[in-house]
């Protein structure tokens, strides 16, 4: 009898504890999405019913007159910010209160994942690490890196020029291989040709660490549900074999550069210089960093992960939009041809960055297909959102409160972008771009914690699209899925569920 009584008491306490968690937003008297016990508002991702993008969009659309909406990531309260002035306030003016991303994967459990720039908190030295890496992405360094990008773009184009006639390909796979080769050379100092050597070890290991489907997505879910439990079982995100592979590459690269006095304009060199300076960053300012080879590997890996998945997806979505809007593709081709002819056909850094319509097309593609469904922050101090009018009351948030900015939903809100489902590059031209609210357009985030590699990613995209359109038309074919479907198994990025199949059709030169 005592066993049954004990069981009933345990279940009652468990139920009371769970119910208490899910009264958080109700007690604060703000609009919120009703949770499902234990799963919060994320049952759709667990049971593969909804993509993360759809879950965020549903929350955003549920209360159109509210500046914010309460959600639950399992048992973690999350505040979804709908108002662009609040986004500006939190990311810029009150950045000192919201300087970090939520940390769920401890560096003690998975140092390669937990020590990277994205995961680092301000108290872990995020500011110093960012200051160390920032010079890698200046215009001067980008011009040097551009030469490496050109070599990768040339071998990509050559691969398809040697095919006879039109060729139907999965653009997502092809662009993933291109992104792999770019990062291999610009971050690790390794030359790859992943179009020819389909299963080179660098590409295979890169695919492994950036695959956020399947078991790894469940690991992320596990950390979101209970980081304490996952830490107890020592659950790592990065597989040991892949982690060891990249550690060895970094160790060998560092040793070779020391012995041969090799200098390259890349991320590894910037980190080596910071370590050599012992407490100063690339600009000579003091910092608190004490970099190990593992720290350098962690930064190289996050650069790899960001470029590998998000850039390849962005290029794929861009190609899809060009294929389904041939009049826009033709206009872009004409700009490319005109600019190249005026420059004797030579592609330079200055030429690539000068193309106005190309910039508009890429900006609009990133609006239509934001890399991430949301951008997050966590408070390091208590914070109050003051009322905007008499319909609101002060909203007091405790230290450790998680905030989400719904990038995709903002990008598709007709309040900020009229006719939002239409692919319209002219939104971003000189006559119209002043109309765009900068805090409603967040492909790379906002504020001091925005994406450090955005200029690198944009340059990479522009260079390859220029070279592709020089030699090919991008057209739809029988395998092209219209409309596109997003993966419901990837809990990190917005990626196509079954690739993006299109045809490269050689241009007939006059």
Protein backbone atom coordinates (compact mmCIF):
# COMPACT_ATOMS: atom_id res chain seq x y z
CA UNK A 1 0.00 0.00 0.00
CA UNK A 2 2.81 2.38 0.89
CA UNK A 3 4.28 1.79 -2.60
CA UNK A 4 1.06 2.98 -4.28
CA UNK A 5 0.82 5.97 -1.93
CA UNK A 6 4.42 6.93 -2.67
CA UNK A 7 3.76 6.64 -6.40
CA UNK A 8 0.66 8.84 -6.19
CA UNK A 9 2.57 11.46 -4.17
CA UNK A 10 5.43 11.43 -6.69
CA UNK A 11 3.05 11.85 -9.65
CA UNK A 12 1.19 14.64 -7.84
CA UNK A 13 4.45 16.49 -7.12
CA UNK A 14 5.63 16.00 -10.70
CA UNK A 15 2.31 17.27 -12.08
CA UNK A 16 2.36 20.29 -9.75
CA UNK A 17 5.93 21.09 -10.77
CA UNK A 18 5.13 20.91 -14.50
CA UNK A 19 1.92 22.93 -14.16
CA UNK A 20 3.83 25.58 -12.20
CA UNK A 21 6.32 25.97 -15.06
CA UNK A 22 3.56 26.45 -17.60
CA UNK A 23 1.83 29.23 -15.64
CA UNK A 24 4.82 31.55 -16.11
CA UNK A 25 3.37 33.71 -18.91
CA UNK A 26 -0.17 33.42 -17.59
CA UNK A 27 0.97 34.86 -14.26
CA UNK A 28 2.64 37.75 -16.08
CA UNK A 29 -0.65 38.41 -17.90
CA UNK A 30 0.71 38.55 -21.43
CA UNK A 31 -0.56 36.73 -24.55
CA UNK A 32 1.02 33.30 -24.94
CA UNK A 33 0.72 30.09 -26.96
CA UNK A 34 -0.86 27.32 -24.90
CA UNK A 35 1.77 24.64 -24.22
CA UNK A 36 1.57 20.87 -24.29
CA UNK A 37 2.92 19.51 -21.01
CA UNK A 38 6.62 18.56 -21.21
CA UNK A 39 6.87 19.58 -24.88
CA UNK A 40 5.80 23.20 -24.52
CA UNK A 41 5.17 24.55 -28.02
CA UNK A 42 7.67 22.20 -29.67
CA UNK A 43 5.76 18.94 -30.02
CA UNK A 44 5.60 19.64 -33.76
CA UNK A 45 9.38 19.39 -34.13
CA UNK A 46 9.64 16.31 -31.93
CA UNK A 47 6.99 14.38 -33.86
CA UNK A 48 8.18 15.71 -37.26
CA UNK A 49 4.87 17.47 -37.96
CA UNK A 50 6.09 21.06 -38.32
CA UNK A 51 9.30 22.83 -39.23
CA UNK A 52 10.80 25.27 -36.75
CA UNK A 53 9.91 28.05 -39.19
CA UNK A 54 6.21 27.10 -39.06
CA UNK A 55 6.19 26.95 -35.25
CA UNK A 56 7.67 30.45 -35.01
CA UNK A 57 5.32 31.80 -37.71
CA UNK A 58 2.28 30.38 -35.91
CA UNK A 59 3.29 32.15 -32.70
CA UNK A 60 4.02 35.40 -34.54
CA UNK A 61 0.64 35.38 -36.31
CA UNK A 62 -1.41 34.39 -33.24
CA UNK A 63 -1.43 37.86 -31.65
CA UNK A 64 -1.00 40.48 -34.41
CA UNK A 65 -1.68 43.43 -32.10
CA UNK A 66 0.80 42.46 -29.41
CA UNK A 67 4.44 43.56 -29.24
CA UNK A 68 5.47 40.21 -27.78
CA UNK A 69 4.19 36.67 -27.34
CA UNK A 70 5.01 34.08 -24.69
CA UNK A 71 6.14 30.61 -25.76
CA UNK A 72 7.65 27.53 -24.13
CA UNK A 73 10.69 25.70 -25.47
CA UNK A 74 9.80 22.51 -23.63
CA UNK A 75 9.79 23.87 -20.05
CA UNK A 76 11.83 27.01 -20.80
CA UNK A 77 9.76 30.22 -21.14
CA UNK A 78 10.69 32.15 -24.30
CA UNK A 79 9.55 35.68 -25.20
CA UNK A 80 9.00 36.18 -28.94
CA UNK A 81 9.47 39.86 -29.83
CA UNK A 82 7.21 41.10 -32.65
CA UNK A 83 7.96 44.82 -32.40
CA UNK A 84 10.95 46.25 -34.32
CA UNK A 85 11.48 49.10 -31.85
CA UNK A 86 11.81 46.54 -29.07
CA UNK A 87 14.26 44.54 -31.19
CA UNK A 88 16.33 47.70 -31.65
CA UNK A 89 16.14 48.44 -27.92
CA UNK A 90 17.29 44.95 -26.92
CA UNK A 91 20.00 44.40 -29.56
CA UNK A 92 21.51 47.91 -29.57
CA UNK A 93 20.59 50.16 -26.66
CA UNK A 94 20.36 47.43 -24.02
CA UNK A 95 22.97 45.10 -25.48
CA UNK A 96 24.80 45.04 -22.13
CA UNK A 97 21.76 43.26 -20.66
CA UNK A 98 21.35 40.87 -23.62
CA UNK A 99 24.92 40.19 -24.80
CA UNK A 100 24.75 36.40 -25.10
CA UNK A 101 23.08 33.50 -26.84
CA UNK A 102 21.54 30.92 -24.48
CA UNK A 103 24.23 28.41 -23.51
CA UNK A 104 22.98 24.86 -23.32
CA UNK A 105 25.99 22.79 -24.32
CA UNK A 106 28.77 23.24 -21.75
CA UNK A 107 32.33 23.57 -23.06
CA UNK A 108 33.37 21.05 -20.40
CA UNK A 109 31.24 18.39 -22.16
CA UNK A 110 31.84 19.35 -25.80
CA UNK A 111 34.67 21.92 -26.02
CA UNK A 112 34.68 22.12 -29.83
CA UNK A 113 31.03 23.15 -29.76
CA UNK A 114 30.93 25.06 -26.49
CA UNK A 115 34.07 27.16 -27.03
CA UNK A 116 33.22 28.66 -30.41
CA UNK A 117 32.44 32.35 -30.93
CA UNK A 118 28.70 31.76 -31.34
CA UNK A 119 28.42 29.80 -28.08
CA UNK A 120 30.80 31.93 -25.99
CA UNK A 121 29.32 34.29 -23.42
CA UNK A 122 30.72 37.69 -22.57
CA UNK A 123 32.15 36.36 -19.32
CA UNK A 124 33.89 33.57 -21.32
CA UNK A 125 35.71 36.17 -23.41
CA UNK A 126 33.31 36.59 -26.34
CA UNK A 127 34.20 40.27 -26.78
CA UNK A 128 37.94 39.57 -26.92
CA UNK A 129 37.48 36.66 -29.31
CA UNK A 130 35.33 38.77 -31.62
CA UNK A 131 37.92 41.56 -31.57
CA UNK A 132 40.59 38.99 -32.46
CA UNK A 133 38.64 37.59 -35.40
CA UNK A 134 37.17 40.84 -36.78
CA UNK A 135 40.30 41.86 -38.76
CA UNK A 136 39.94 38.66 -40.82
CA UNK A 137 36.79 40.16 -42.35
CA UNK A 138 37.99 43.69 -43.16
CA UNK A 139 37.99 44.90 -46.78
CA UNK A 140 41.77 44.59 -46.99
CA UNK A 141 41.80 40.97 -45.83
CA UNK A 142 38.76 40.13 -47.93
CA UNK A 143 40.60 41.28 -51.06
CA UNK A 144 43.36 38.78 -50.28
CA UNK A 145 40.87 36.00 -49.52
CA UNK A 146 39.09 36.81 -52.79
CA UNK A 147 41.93 35.18 -54.74
CA UNK A 148 41.36 31.92 -52.90
CA UNK A 149 37.62 32.17 -53.61
CA UNK A 150 38.31 32.72 -57.31
CA UNK A 151 40.26 29.48 -57.53
CA UNK A 152 37.39 27.52 -55.96
CA UNK A 153 34.79 29.20 -58.19
CA UNK A 154 36.89 28.49 -61.30
CA UNK A 155 37.21 24.77 -60.55
CA UNK A 156 33.46 24.62 -59.82
CA UNK A 157 32.63 26.17 -63.22
CA UNK A 158 35.23 24.04 -65.04
CA UNK A 159 33.61 20.88 -63.69
CA UNK A 160 30.31 21.73 -65.40
CA UNK A 161 31.86 23.20 -68.55
CA UNK A 162 33.37 19.78 -69.23
CA UNK A 163 29.92 18.19 -69.16
CA UNK A 164 28.25 17.93 -72.55
CA UNK A 165 25.10 20.02 -72.85
CA UNK A 166 22.61 20.81 -70.11
CA UNK A 167 22.96 19.01 -66.79
CA UNK A 168 20.35 18.54 -64.06
CA UNK A 169 21.87 18.70 -60.58
CA UNK A 170 20.93 19.04 -56.93
CA UNK A 171 22.11 22.61 -56.38
CA UNK A 172 22.10 22.15 -52.61
CA UNK A 173 24.63 19.32 -52.88
CA UNK A 174 26.77 21.18 -55.45
CA UNK A 175 26.86 24.40 -53.44
CA UNK A 176 27.66 22.48 -50.26
CA UNK A 177 30.73 21.12 -52.03
CA UNK A 178 31.68 24.61 -53.21
CA UNK A 179 31.25 26.05 -49.69
CA UNK A 180 33.37 23.19 -48.33
CA UNK A 181 36.24 24.01 -50.69
CA UNK A 182 36.07 27.75 -49.91
CA UNK A 183 36.29 27.20 -46.17
CA UNK A 184 38.92 24.47 -46.48
CA UNK A 185 41.28 26.89 -48.22
CA UNK A 186 40.38 30.16 -46.46
CA UNK A 187 40.16 28.84 -42.89
CA UNK A 188 42.28 25.67 -42.83
CA UNK A 189 44.75 26.27 -45.66
CA UNK A 190 43.75 23.04 -47.43
CA UNK A 191 43.00 22.69 -51.14
CA UNK A 192 40.00 20.53 -52.10
CA UNK A 193 38.00 19.88 -55.24
CA UNK A 194 34.84 18.32 -53.90
CA UNK A 195 33.07 18.27 -57.27
CA UNK A 196 35.70 15.91 -58.68
CA UNK A 197 36.70 14.11 -55.50
CA UNK A 198 33.20 13.44 -54.20
CA UNK A 199 34.21 11.64 -51.03
CA UNK A 200 37.33 13.51 -49.95
CA UNK A 201 37.81 13.20 -46.22
CA UNK A 202 37.50 16.92 -45.50
CA UNK A 203 34.07 17.04 -47.16
CA UNK A 204 32.86 13.83 -45.51
CA UNK A 205 33.90 15.05 -42.05
CA UNK A 206 32.43 18.47 -42.75
CA UNK A 207 29.10 16.88 -43.68
CA UNK A 208 29.23 14.97 -40.43
CA UNK A 209 29.69 17.97 -38.13
CA UNK A 210 27.09 20.09 -39.96
CA UNK A 211 24.38 17.44 -40.19
CA UNK A 212 21.71 18.63 -37.78
CA UNK A 213 19.10 16.06 -38.83
CA UNK A 214 18.35 12.72 -37.21
CA UNK A 215 20.19 11.79 -34.03
CA UNK A 216 21.99 15.13 -33.74
CA UNK A 217 18.71 17.06 -33.89
CA UNK A 218 17.49 14.88 -31.01
CA UNK A 219 20.64 15.78 -29.08
CA UNK A 220 19.85 19.48 -29.51
CA UNK A 221 16.30 18.79 -28.39
CA UNK A 222 17.71 16.93 -25.39
CA UNK A 223 19.88 19.89 -24.39
CA UNK A 224 16.92 22.24 -24.84
CA UNK A 225 14.77 19.96 -22.66
CA UNK A 226 17.33 19.30 -19.91
CA UNK A 227 20.95 20.37 -20.27
CA UNK A 228 21.64 18.97 -16.79
CA UNK A 229 20.54 15.47 -17.82
CA UNK A 230 22.49 15.60 -21.09
CA UNK A 231 25.59 16.79 -19.26
CA UNK A 232 25.20 13.98 -16.74
CA UNK A 233 25.33 11.43 -19.59
CA UNK A 234 28.22 13.30 -21.28
CA UNK A 235 26.33 13.69 -24.58
CA UNK A 236 28.49 15.38 -27.22
CA UNK A 237 27.21 17.17 -30.32
CA UNK A 238 30.34 16.66 -32.42
CA UNK A 239 31.32 13.04 -33.02
CA UNK A 240 34.70 12.09 -31.59
CA UNK A 241 36.09 10.92 -34.96
CA UNK A 242 35.20 14.17 -36.73
CA UNK A 243 36.46 16.27 -33.83
CA UNK A 244 39.78 14.42 -33.81
CA UNK A 245 40.12 14.86 -37.59
CA UNK A 246 39.78 18.65 -37.43
CA UNK A 247 41.98 18.92 -34.34
CA UNK A 248 44.74 17.07 -36.19
CA UNK A 249 44.39 19.37 -39.20
CA UNK A 250 44.72 22.47 -37.03
CA UNK A 251 47.68 21.02 -35.13
CA UNK A 252 49.46 20.10 -38.38
CA UNK A 253 48.66 23.50 -39.92
CA UNK A 254 50.01 25.39 -36.91
CA UNK A 255 53.18 23.27 -36.81
CA UNK A 256 53.80 23.71 -40.55
CA UNK A 257 53.28 27.47 -40.43
CA UNK A 258 55.65 27.83 -37.49
CA UNK A 259 58.34 25.72 -39.15
CA UNK A 260 58.03 27.20 -42.66
CA UNK A 261 57.03 30.73 -41.57
CA UNK A 262 53.90 30.48 -43.74
CA UNK A 263 51.57 33.50 -43.62
CA UNK A 264 48.06 33.33 -45.09
CA UNK A 265 45.22 35.88 -44.76
CA UNK A 266 42.94 33.52 -42.88
CA UNK A 267 41.27 32.78 -39.58
CA UNK A 268 43.93 30.39 -38.30
CA UNK A 269 46.64 33.00 -38.86
CA UNK A 270 44.65 35.63 -36.90
CA UNK A 271 44.29 33.24 -33.96
CA UNK A 272 47.95 32.22 -34.10
CA UNK A 273 48.95 35.90 -34.01
CA UNK A 274 46.64 36.51 -31.04
CA UNK A 275 48.22 33.62 -29.16
CA UNK A 276 51.72 34.82 -30.02
CA UNK A 277 50.87 38.30 -28.71
CA UNK A 278 49.85 36.77 -25.36
CA UNK A 279 46.98 38.93 -24.25
CA UNK A 280 46.51 41.32 -27.16
CA UNK A 281 44.21 41.09 -30.15
CA UNK A 282 45.00 41.80 -33.80
CA UNK A 283 44.75 45.55 -33.19
CA UNK A 284 47.18 45.50 -30.28
CA UNK A 285 44.52 45.93 -27.59
CA UNK A 286 44.72 43.88 -24.41
CA UNK A 287 42.39 40.92 -24.03
CA UNK A 288 41.89 38.01 -21.68
CA UNK A 289 42.32 35.21 -24.21
CA UNK A 290 44.66 32.32 -23.55
CA UNK A 291 44.27 30.30 -26.72
CA UNK A 292 44.94 26.57 -26.97
CA UNK A 293 44.94 24.52 -30.18
CA UNK A 294 41.48 23.35 -29.13
CA UNK A 295 40.25 26.97 -28.94
CA UNK A 296 41.59 27.63 -32.44
CA UNK A 297 39.92 24.45 -33.73
CA UNK A 298 36.61 25.50 -32.16
CA UNK A 299 36.65 28.87 -33.97
CA UNK A 300 37.60 27.27 -37.28
CA UNK A 301 34.80 24.74 -36.88
CA UNK A 302 32.07 27.31 -36.21
CA UNK A 303 33.26 29.25 -39.25
CA UNK A 304 33.05 25.99 -41.18
CA UNK A 305 29.60 25.07 -39.87
CA UNK A 306 28.14 28.50 -40.62
CA UNK A 307 29.55 28.69 -44.13
CA UNK A 308 28.96 25.04 -45.03
CA UNK A 309 25.23 24.94 -44.36
CA UNK A 310 23.88 28.49 -44.46
CA UNK A 311 25.84 29.70 -47.51
CA UNK A 312 25.05 26.59 -49.53
CA UNK A 313 21.35 26.91 -48.65
CA UNK A 314 21.34 30.64 -49.45
CA UNK A 315 22.95 29.98 -52.86
CA UNK A 316 20.44 27.20 -53.54
CA UNK A 317 17.43 29.37 -52.70
CA UNK A 318 18.89 32.19 -54.81
CA UNK A 319 19.31 29.86 -57.80
CA UNK A 320 15.75 28.62 -57.36
CA UNK A 321 14.41 32.18 -57.44
CA UNK A 322 16.45 32.98 -60.55
CA UNK A 323 15.22 29.83 -62.30
CA UNK A 324 11.57 30.55 -61.47
CA UNK A 325 11.92 34.24 -62.40
CA UNK A 326 13.77 34.14 -65.75
CA UNK A 327 13.15 37.85 -66.41
CA UNK A 328 15.08 38.72 -63.23
CA UNK A 329 17.83 36.27 -64.16
CA UNK A 330 18.11 37.92 -67.59
CA UNK A 331 18.33 41.41 -66.10
CA UNK A 332 21.05 40.22 -63.72
CA UNK A 333 22.93 38.55 -66.59
CA UNK A 334 22.83 41.81 -68.53
CA UNK A 335 24.32 43.71 -65.58
CA UNK A 336 27.08 41.11 -65.21
CA UNK A 337 27.86 41.17 -68.95
CA UNK A 338 27.95 44.97 -69.09
CA UNK A 339 30.24 45.32 -66.08
CA UNK A 340 32.58 42.54 -67.24
CA UNK A 341 32.86 43.97 -70.77
CA UNK A 342 33.82 47.34 -69.32
CA UNK A 343 36.55 45.59 -67.33
CA UNK A 344 37.96 43.46 -70.19
CA UNK A 345 36.28 40.38 -68.73
CA UNK A 346 38.40 40.35 -65.57
CA UNK A 347 36.58 39.64 -62.31
CA UNK A 348 38.00 41.68 -59.44
CA UNK A 349 36.97 42.28 -55.84
CA UNK A 350 35.98 45.86 -56.68
CA UNK A 351 33.92 44.72 -59.66
CA UNK A 352 32.01 42.10 -57.67
CA UNK A 353 31.15 44.54 -54.89
CA UNK A 354 30.06 47.24 -57.36
CA UNK A 355 27.16 45.35 -58.96
CA UNK A 356 24.02 47.06 -57.69
CA UNK A 357 21.36 44.77 -59.12
CA UNK A 358 23.25 41.68 -57.94
CA UNK A 359 23.18 43.15 -54.45
CA UNK A 360 19.41 43.71 -54.73
CA UNK A 361 18.78 40.15 -55.94
CA UNK A 362 20.79 38.55 -53.13
CA UNK A 363 19.23 40.81 -50.49
CA UNK A 364 15.73 39.89 -51.67
CA UNK A 365 16.58 36.18 -51.71
CA UNK A 366 17.81 36.43 -48.12
CA UNK A 367 14.55 38.17 -47.22
CA UNK A 368 12.46 35.44 -48.84
CA UNK A 369 14.61 32.66 -47.36
CA UNK A 370 16.17 33.79 -44.09
CA UNK A 371 18.95 31.41 -42.97
CA UNK A 372 17.43 31.04 -39.48
CA UNK A 373 13.81 31.13 -38.30
CA UNK A 374 14.76 33.09 -35.21
CA UNK A 375 17.68 34.81 -33.52
CA UNK A 376 18.04 34.43 -29.76
CA UNK A 377 19.45 36.33 -26.80
CA UNK A 378 19.51 35.74 -23.05
CA UNK A 379 19.52 38.38 -20.31
CA UNK A 380 22.36 38.62 -17.81
CA UNK A 381 20.42 41.00 -15.53
CA UNK A 382 16.76 41.55 -14.63
CA UNK A 383 15.00 43.62 -17.31
CA UNK A 384 11.73 45.51 -17.65
CA UNK A 385 9.85 46.12 -20.88
CA UNK A 386 7.98 49.34 -20.21
CA UNK A 387 4.41 49.85 -21.47
CA UNK A 388 3.96 51.45 -24.87
CA UNK A 389 0.42 52.59 -24.05
CA UNK A 390 -2.39 52.07 -21.55
CA UNK A 391 -3.16 48.59 -22.93
CA UNK A 392 0.13 47.24 -21.55
CA UNK A 393 1.63 46.83 -18.11
CA UNK A 394 5.34 46.67 -17.25
CA UNK A 395 6.75 43.23 -18.08
CA UNK A 396 9.45 42.26 -15.59
CA UNK A 397 11.90 39.61 -16.80
CA UNK A 398 14.32 37.77 -14.54
CA UNK A 399 18.02 37.24 -15.19
CA UNK A 400 18.41 34.36 -17.63
CA UNK A 401 15.26 35.18 -19.62
CA UNK A 402 15.38 33.95 -23.23
CA UNK A 403 14.33 36.28 -26.07
CA UNK A 404 13.64 35.34 -29.69
CA UNK A 405 13.52 37.62 -32.73
CA UNK A 406 11.43 35.91 -35.47
CA UNK A 407 13.48 36.76 -38.57
CA UNK A 408 11.44 34.76 -41.09
CA UNK A 409 8.13 36.12 -39.83
CA UNK A 410 9.33 39.72 -39.93
CA UNK A 411 10.64 39.19 -43.47
CA UNK A 412 7.19 38.03 -44.58
CA UNK A 413 5.09 40.59 -42.71
CA UNK A 414 3.22 42.84 -45.16
CA UNK A 415 3.52 45.65 -42.62
CA UNK A 416 7.24 45.83 -43.44
CA UNK A 417 7.34 44.30 -46.93
CA UNK A 418 4.27 44.88 -49.14
CA UNK A 419 3.29 41.79 -51.14
CA UNK A 420 5.83 39.77 -49.12
CA UNK A 421 5.49 36.49 -51.06
CA UNK A 422 6.59 38.16 -54.30
CA UNK A 423 10.28 37.97 -55.26
CA UNK A 424 10.99 41.65 -55.92
CA UNK A 425 14.68 42.70 -55.89
CA UNK A 426 13.72 46.35 -56.53
CA UNK A 427 12.80 46.62 -52.84
CA UNK A 428 16.52 46.99 -52.18
CA UNK A 429 17.49 49.45 -54.94
CA UNK A 430 18.68 53.00 -54.30
CA UNK A 431 15.18 54.43 -54.69
CA UNK A 432 13.49 52.03 -52.26
CA UNK A 433 15.97 50.68 -49.71
CA UNK A 434 15.46 53.65 -47.37
CA UNK A 435 11.88 52.37 -46.84
CA UNK A 436 13.13 49.14 -45.27
CA UNK A 437 13.06 48.97 -41.49
CA UNK A 438 16.54 47.63 -40.60
CA UNK A 439 15.14 45.74 -37.61
CA UNK A 440 12.57 43.96 -39.76
CA UNK A 441 15.34 42.62 -42.01
CA UNK A 442 17.59 40.27 -40.06
CA UNK A 443 19.37 37.78 -42.35
CA UNK A 444 22.57 38.21 -40.31
CA UNK A 445 21.12 39.30 -36.98
CA UNK A 446 21.42 42.75 -35.41
CA UNK A 447 23.67 44.68 -33.06
CA UNK A 448 27.18 43.84 -31.81
CA UNK A 449 26.36 40.12 -31.84
CA UNK A 450 25.39 40.05 -35.53
CA UNK A 451 27.09 37.55 -37.86
CA UNK A 452 30.81 38.32 -38.03
CA UNK A 453 31.19 36.51 -41.36
CA UNK A 454 28.36 38.21 -43.29
CA UNK A 455 30.70 40.06 -45.67
CA UNK A 456 32.59 36.85 -46.37
CA UNK A 457 29.36 34.99 -47.11
CA UNK A 458 28.01 37.71 -49.41
CA UNK A 459 31.28 37.93 -51.34
CA UNK A 460 31.33 34.15 -51.79
CA UNK A 461 27.74 34.15 -53.07
CA UNK A 462 28.25 37.07 -55.45
CA UNK A 463 31.41 35.65 -56.98
CA UNK A 464 29.92 32.25 -57.74
CA UNK A 465 26.62 33.56 -59.13
CA UNK A 466 28.54 35.91 -61.44
CA UNK A 467 30.60 33.03 -62.77
CA UNK A 468 27.62 30.70 -63.14
CA UNK A 469 25.53 33.24 -65.07
CA UNK A 470 28.51 34.10 -67.27
CA UNK A 471 28.48 30.57 -68.65
CA UNK A 472 25.05 29.09 -67.92
CA UNK A 473 21.36 29.73 -67.64
CA UNK A 474 19.67 28.29 -64.56
CA UNK A 475 16.35 26.69 -65.52
CA UNK A 476 13.74 24.51 -63.85
CA UNK A 477 13.32 20.88 -64.87
CA UNK A 478 11.09 17.88 -64.19
CA UNK A 479 12.75 17.33 -60.80
CA UNK A 480 12.22 20.90 -59.56
CA UNK A 481 9.84 21.01 -56.58
CA UNK A 482 7.50 24.00 -56.86
CA UNK A 483 6.81 25.25 -54.27
CA UNK A 484 9.84 24.36 -52.20
CA UNK A 485 9.44 22.36 -49.02
CA UNK A 486 11.58 22.99 -45.95
CA UNK A 487 13.09 20.25 -43.83
CA UNK A 488 11.07 19.48 -40.70
CA UNK A 489 13.93 17.47 -39.18
CA UNK A 490 16.57 20.22 -39.05
CA UNK A 491 16.11 22.20 -35.82
CA UNK A 492 18.81 24.79 -36.61
CA UNK A 493 18.62 26.09 -40.18
CA UNK A 494 16.01 26.64 -42.87
CA UNK A 495 17.09 24.16 -45.53
CA UNK A 496 15.23 22.43 -48.39
CA UNK A 497 13.90 19.00 -47.47
CA UNK A 498 14.97 17.17 -50.63
CA UNK A 499 17.60 19.39 -52.18
CA UNK A 500 16.92 21.86 -54.99
CA UNK A 501 17.00 20.28 -58.44
CA UNK A 502 17.62 22.64 -61.36
CA UNK A 503 19.38 22.49 -64.73
CA UNK A 504 22.51 24.34 -65.83
CA UNK A 505 22.09 25.13 -69.52
CA UNK A 506 25.23 26.33 -71.35
CA UNK A 507 24.85 29.81 -72.83
CA UNK A 508 25.10 30.22 -76.56
CA UNK A 509 27.72 32.89 -77.15
CA UNK A 510 27.01 35.33 -79.99
